[in-house]
Structure formats: C-alpha cells, structure tokens
Protein backbone atom coordinates (compact mmCIF):
# COMPACT_ATOMS: atom_id res chain seq x y z
CA MET A 1 35.26 -59.08 10.02
CA LYS A 2 31.82 -59.70 11.80
CA LYS A 3 28.58 -58.19 10.56
CA PHE A 4 25.42 -58.02 12.84
CA LYS A 5 22.02 -56.57 12.01
CA GLY A 6 20.11 -54.87 14.70
CA ASP A 7 22.13 -56.18 17.64
CA VAL A 8 24.31 -53.31 18.98
CA SER A 9 23.79 -49.56 19.59
CA VAL A 10 26.64 -48.06 21.41
CA CYS A 11 26.96 -45.46 24.13
CA PRO A 12 30.72 -44.71 24.74
CA PHE A 13 31.83 -46.72 27.88
CA HIS A 14 28.44 -48.52 28.07
CA TYR A 15 26.09 -49.75 25.60
CA GLU A 16 24.13 -52.60 27.20
CA GLU A 17 21.00 -50.56 27.95
CA GLU A 18 20.44 -49.67 24.11
CA LYS A 19 20.98 -53.18 22.69
CA LYS A 20 17.16 -53.80 22.88
CA ASN A 21 16.30 -50.93 20.77
CA SER A 22 19.00 -51.13 18.10
CA THR A 23 18.43 -50.91 14.36
CA GLY A 24 20.47 -51.03 11.30
CA PHE A 25 23.72 -52.66 10.46
CA SER A 26 26.94 -52.98 12.58
CA TYR A 27 30.35 -53.91 11.16
CA TYR A 28 32.98 -55.44 13.33
CA LEU A 29 36.60 -55.58 12.70
CA LYS A 30 39.25 -57.10 15.00
CA ALA A 31 42.06 -54.67 15.76
CA ASP A 32 45.31 -56.26 16.08
CA GLU A 33 48.61 -56.63 14.22
CA GLU A 34 47.33 -59.45 12.09
CA SER A 35 44.23 -57.46 10.91
CA ALA A 36 44.12 -58.28 7.20
CA ASP A 37 44.50 -55.33 4.78
CA LYS A 38 41.65 -56.89 2.69
CA ASP A 39 39.31 -56.68 5.72
CA ILE A 40 40.14 -53.10 6.35
CA GLU A 41 39.67 -52.25 2.75
CA VAL A 42 36.37 -54.12 2.80
CA LEU A 43 35.04 -52.21 5.86
CA ALA A 44 36.22 -48.83 4.14
CA LEU A 45 34.23 -49.66 1.07
CA LYS A 46 31.21 -50.75 3.02
CA ILE A 47 31.31 -47.30 4.84
CA LYS A 48 31.72 -45.45 1.49
CA GLU A 49 28.57 -47.24 0.08
CA LEU A 50 26.61 -46.76 3.14
CA ILE A 51 27.23 -43.04 3.00
CA ARG A 52 26.69 -42.74 -0.77
CA GLN A 53 23.24 -44.72 -0.42
CA SER A 54 22.02 -42.75 2.48
CA SER A 55 19.43 -39.90 2.11
CA LEU A 56 21.74 -37.33 4.06
CA GLU A 57 22.67 -34.27 2.23
CA TYR A 58 26.06 -33.00 3.13
CA ASN A 59 29.02 -30.89 1.87
CA GLU A 60 31.86 -32.07 3.85
CA ILE A 61 32.75 -35.10 5.96
CA VAL A 62 33.97 -34.32 9.56
CA PHE A 63 35.66 -36.78 12.05
CA LEU A 64 34.76 -35.93 15.56
CA CYS A 65 37.16 -37.70 17.89
CA ILE A 66 35.94 -37.76 21.44
CA GLY A 67 37.91 -38.41 24.78
CA SER A 68 40.54 -37.10 26.99
CA ASP A 69 44.34 -37.84 27.46
CA ARG A 70 44.05 -38.10 31.12
CA TYR A 71 43.00 -41.63 31.43
CA ILE A 72 44.26 -44.59 29.08
CA GLY A 73 40.63 -45.88 28.44
CA ASP A 74 39.57 -42.48 27.30
CA THR A 75 42.58 -41.82 25.00
CA LEU A 76 41.09 -43.61 21.79
CA GLY A 77 39.32 -40.68 20.37
CA PRO A 78 42.09 -38.15 20.69
CA LEU A 79 44.74 -40.62 19.64
CA VAL A 80 42.94 -41.26 16.56
CA GLY A 81 42.44 -37.51 15.80
CA THR A 82 46.13 -37.00 16.28
CA MET A 83 46.99 -39.82 13.82
CA LEU A 84 44.73 -38.66 11.40
CA LYS A 85 46.01 -35.20 11.45
CA GLU A 86 49.72 -36.62 11.08
CA SER A 87 48.45 -38.76 8.14
CA LYS A 88 47.05 -35.63 6.47
CA VAL A 89 43.69 -37.13 5.43
CA PRO A 90 41.55 -34.95 3.26
CA PHE A 91 38.85 -34.61 6.05
CA ARG A 92 38.30 -32.26 8.71
CA VAL A 93 39.36 -33.72 12.02
CA TYR A 94 38.36 -32.34 15.45
CA GLY A 95 39.94 -33.73 18.66
CA THR A 96 43.47 -34.57 19.21
CA LEU A 97 45.84 -35.43 22.27
CA LYS A 98 46.74 -31.63 21.99
CA ASP A 99 43.21 -30.38 21.91
CA PRO A 100 41.01 -32.98 23.15
CA ILE A 101 37.00 -32.89 22.90
CA HIS A 102 35.43 -34.02 26.18
CA ALA A 103 32.51 -33.41 28.36
CA PHE A 104 33.35 -29.85 29.11
CA ASN A 105 33.74 -28.46 25.59
CA LEU A 106 31.83 -31.03 23.46
CA LYS A 107 28.74 -28.72 23.13
CA GLY A 108 30.81 -25.83 22.21
CA VAL A 109 32.68 -27.71 19.53
CA LEU A 110 29.38 -28.94 17.91
CA LYS A 111 28.39 -25.18 17.75
CA ASP A 112 31.57 -24.23 16.15
CA ILE A 113 31.34 -27.09 13.50
CA LYS A 114 27.91 -25.98 12.60
CA LYS A 115 28.85 -22.44 12.18
CA GLN A 116 31.93 -23.30 10.27
CA ILE A 117 30.50 -26.06 7.73
CA LYS A 118 27.13 -25.97 5.96
CA LYS A 119 25.53 -29.48 6.24
CA PRO A 120 28.50 -31.48 7.75
CA LEU A 121 28.42 -35.18 7.81
CA ILE A 122 29.81 -36.06 11.24
CA ILE A 123 31.53 -39.38 11.86
CA SER A 124 32.16 -39.52 15.63
CA ILE A 125 34.82 -41.90 17.39
CA ASP A 126 34.93 -43.00 20.96
CA SER A 127 35.64 -45.76 23.12
CA SER A 128 33.31 -48.36 24.56
CA ILE A 129 32.67 -51.07 27.16
CA GLY A 130 31.20 -54.18 25.67
CA ASP A 131 31.17 -57.90 26.26
CA LYS A 132 34.41 -59.86 27.16
CA ASP A 133 34.72 -61.39 23.82
CA GLU A 134 34.36 -58.15 21.97
CA VAL A 135 37.29 -56.35 23.50
CA GLY A 136 39.68 -55.41 20.81
CA TYR A 137 37.25 -54.96 18.16
CA VAL A 138 36.31 -51.86 16.11
CA MET A 139 32.86 -51.19 15.33
CA PHE A 140 31.13 -48.91 12.63
CA LYS A 141 27.56 -48.07 12.91
CA GLU A 142 25.02 -45.68 11.28
CA GLY A 143 23.49 -43.24 13.66
CA SER A 144 24.76 -41.12 16.68
CA LEU A 145 26.45 -42.00 19.86
CA THR A 146 25.81 -40.63 23.29
CA PRO A 147 29.00 -39.89 25.08
CA GLY A 148 29.54 -40.40 28.72
CA THR A 149 26.30 -42.49 29.42
CA ALA A 150 28.07 -44.84 31.96
CA LEU A 151 29.63 -42.27 33.71
CA LYS A 152 26.25 -40.46 34.21
CA LYS A 153 27.01 -37.42 32.17
CA VAL A 154 24.35 -35.70 30.30
CA LEU A 155 25.87 -34.88 26.83
CA PRO A 156 24.33 -34.43 23.51
CA LYS A 157 24.13 -37.28 20.82
CA VAL A 158 26.64 -36.90 18.23
CA GLY A 159 27.34 -38.11 14.64
CA ASP A 160 25.47 -39.28 11.66
CA TYR A 161 27.76 -42.40 11.80
CA HIS A 162 30.29 -43.48 14.34
CA PHE A 163 33.15 -45.71 15.10
CA VAL A 164 33.85 -47.26 18.54
CA GLY A 165 36.67 -49.29 19.95
CA ILE A 166 35.78 -51.89 22.65
CA ILE A 167 38.42 -51.09 25.14
CA ASN A 168 37.19 -53.18 28.03
CA TYR A 169 34.25 -55.31 29.42
CA ILE A 170 31.71 -55.07 31.99
CA ASP A 171 32.47 -56.72 35.41
CA PRO A 172 31.93 -55.84 39.05
CA LEU A 173 34.44 -52.97 39.05
CA PRO A 174 33.05 -49.40 39.50
CA THR A 175 32.36 -48.00 36.00
CA SER A 176 34.97 -45.20 36.30
CA GLN A 177 37.70 -47.95 37.09
CA PHE A 178 37.62 -48.88 33.45
CA LEU A 179 39.16 -45.68 32.53
CA ASN A 180 42.37 -46.71 34.08
CA ASP A 181 41.94 -50.44 34.03
CA THR A 182 42.53 -50.63 30.32
CA ARG A 183 45.58 -51.73 28.43
CA LEU A 184 47.31 -49.04 26.36
CA PHE A 185 48.36 -51.76 23.84
CA ILE A 186 44.63 -52.43 22.97
CA VAL A 187 43.80 -48.69 22.76
CA ARG A 188 46.72 -48.35 20.31
CA ASN A 189 45.77 -51.11 18.23
CA LEU A 190 42.15 -49.97 17.98
CA ALA A 191 43.33 -46.57 16.90
CA LYS A 192 45.70 -47.84 14.30
CA THR A 193 42.89 -49.99 12.76
CA ILE A 194 40.48 -46.95 12.64
CA VAL A 195 42.93 -44.67 11.03
CA LYS A 196 43.88 -47.38 8.43
CA VAL A 197 40.16 -47.72 7.54
CA ILE A 198 39.73 -43.90 7.37
CA ILE A 199 42.82 -43.64 5.10
CA LYS A 200 41.45 -46.34 2.81
CA LEU A 201 38.19 -44.56 2.83
CA SER A 202 39.96 -41.54 1.44
CA VAL A 203 42.03 -42.99 -1.06
CA SER A 204 40.55 -46.24 -2.45
CA ASP A 205 38.83 -46.15 -5.83
CA LYS A 206 37.92 -49.80 -5.78
CA THR A 207 34.44 -51.19 -5.32
CA LEU A 208 33.42 -54.12 -3.20
CA LYS A 209 33.12 -56.40 -6.35
CA ASP A 210 36.60 -55.72 -7.09
CA ILE A 211 37.92 -57.08 -3.76
CA GLU A 212 35.38 -59.58 -2.92
CA SER A 213 35.58 -61.43 -6.34
C-alpha cells in the first residue's frame, strides 16, 4: 500500500488538472488477486481513524456509488454498490447495477439522502483515469470528488471522503473512448478490493497498533 501526502485530488475519469491544488492524505492499495489481507485491513483501520479524528458531525455513514452499467469503464461504482448490498454491510448504500446513480439522477439522489438522513457522512465511490503506473490501484482520500469532469459534465461535488479505482490511463484516445477501452478484469478487481476494505471497516475491532506490531 502506498501513501502520498498532497499529491492527488481525484475527479472521476480525470484528475490531472486538480493535482496542483491537492492537500491532505491519499492512500493507495493495489487491487489484484494477491492483495494482502493485512494491507486491506490497514487501509480500513486508517479510514476508521481518519473519520474518528475528523471534525465532522454525522449520524450515519452512507456509501454513494456513482456510475452506469452501460460502459465497462463506468461500472465500478454500481458494481461496488451491488456487492455491498449482497454482503449486507451495516451502512446505507446508494447506486447499484439495478439502480445506478449517474449524471441524470445524481442531484435528485443527493436531495433524497439529505431528506432521509440527518447529518449523513457520505463516502462516494467512482472510477478514474490516472497515470499508466497507477492503473489497478484503489485510492481513498478525504474530501469530495467531482463526477464527470473529463466528459465535460457539470455535476455537484459529492462526498466527505471518496474511493476511486484507477481504471485506465491518459493517452491520445478521445476521453469518451476510455469508457469502453477498459478491461472488465481490472474493474472487477478494483470493486472486490473496495468491498473488502468496507467490510473490514464495518467488522474490525482491531487498532493499527494491533496489526502493525
């Protein structure tokens, strides 16, 4: 697992423009079949500590999984949401393969969440384009993300924290081509890793000292 301070601020599908203004910590974890359980648990506990030490007041944690099932590169969010629902995690989950959250309904879903839950802590999940050597990594970061930036969509910033999965990298192809020119295998591994972290977040009663000692 890699840890970077102040180097990356992610907008789904493209974050290059925001790197210069990034602050805070980013945690990276390689998503593959060999991802160590210890690294997954360490990230879950770091997230738990980060939330506990923050000044945010909240009553409930909500996972907002953004994306569509119409393009492979956009399926990460709804795939994670579906897997979280199937795993019966003790959190509210919005956005699944059956009921995806995308550009056309995001604003309405955010309004519904705020109506239903007083002081929700929202953790958003989406896919992103990064550098070539970052493809296949999961990143967790404090702060909101801005969906649809690379596709020139004007959408609200979402989340108090966010996960992104780096699905592809920047090259001369048109930006929209990344949605289709992405391997399902990579998206699946990213989704499985994010779900494992969230499950650990919900059940682990260990501390970082327990597993780092």
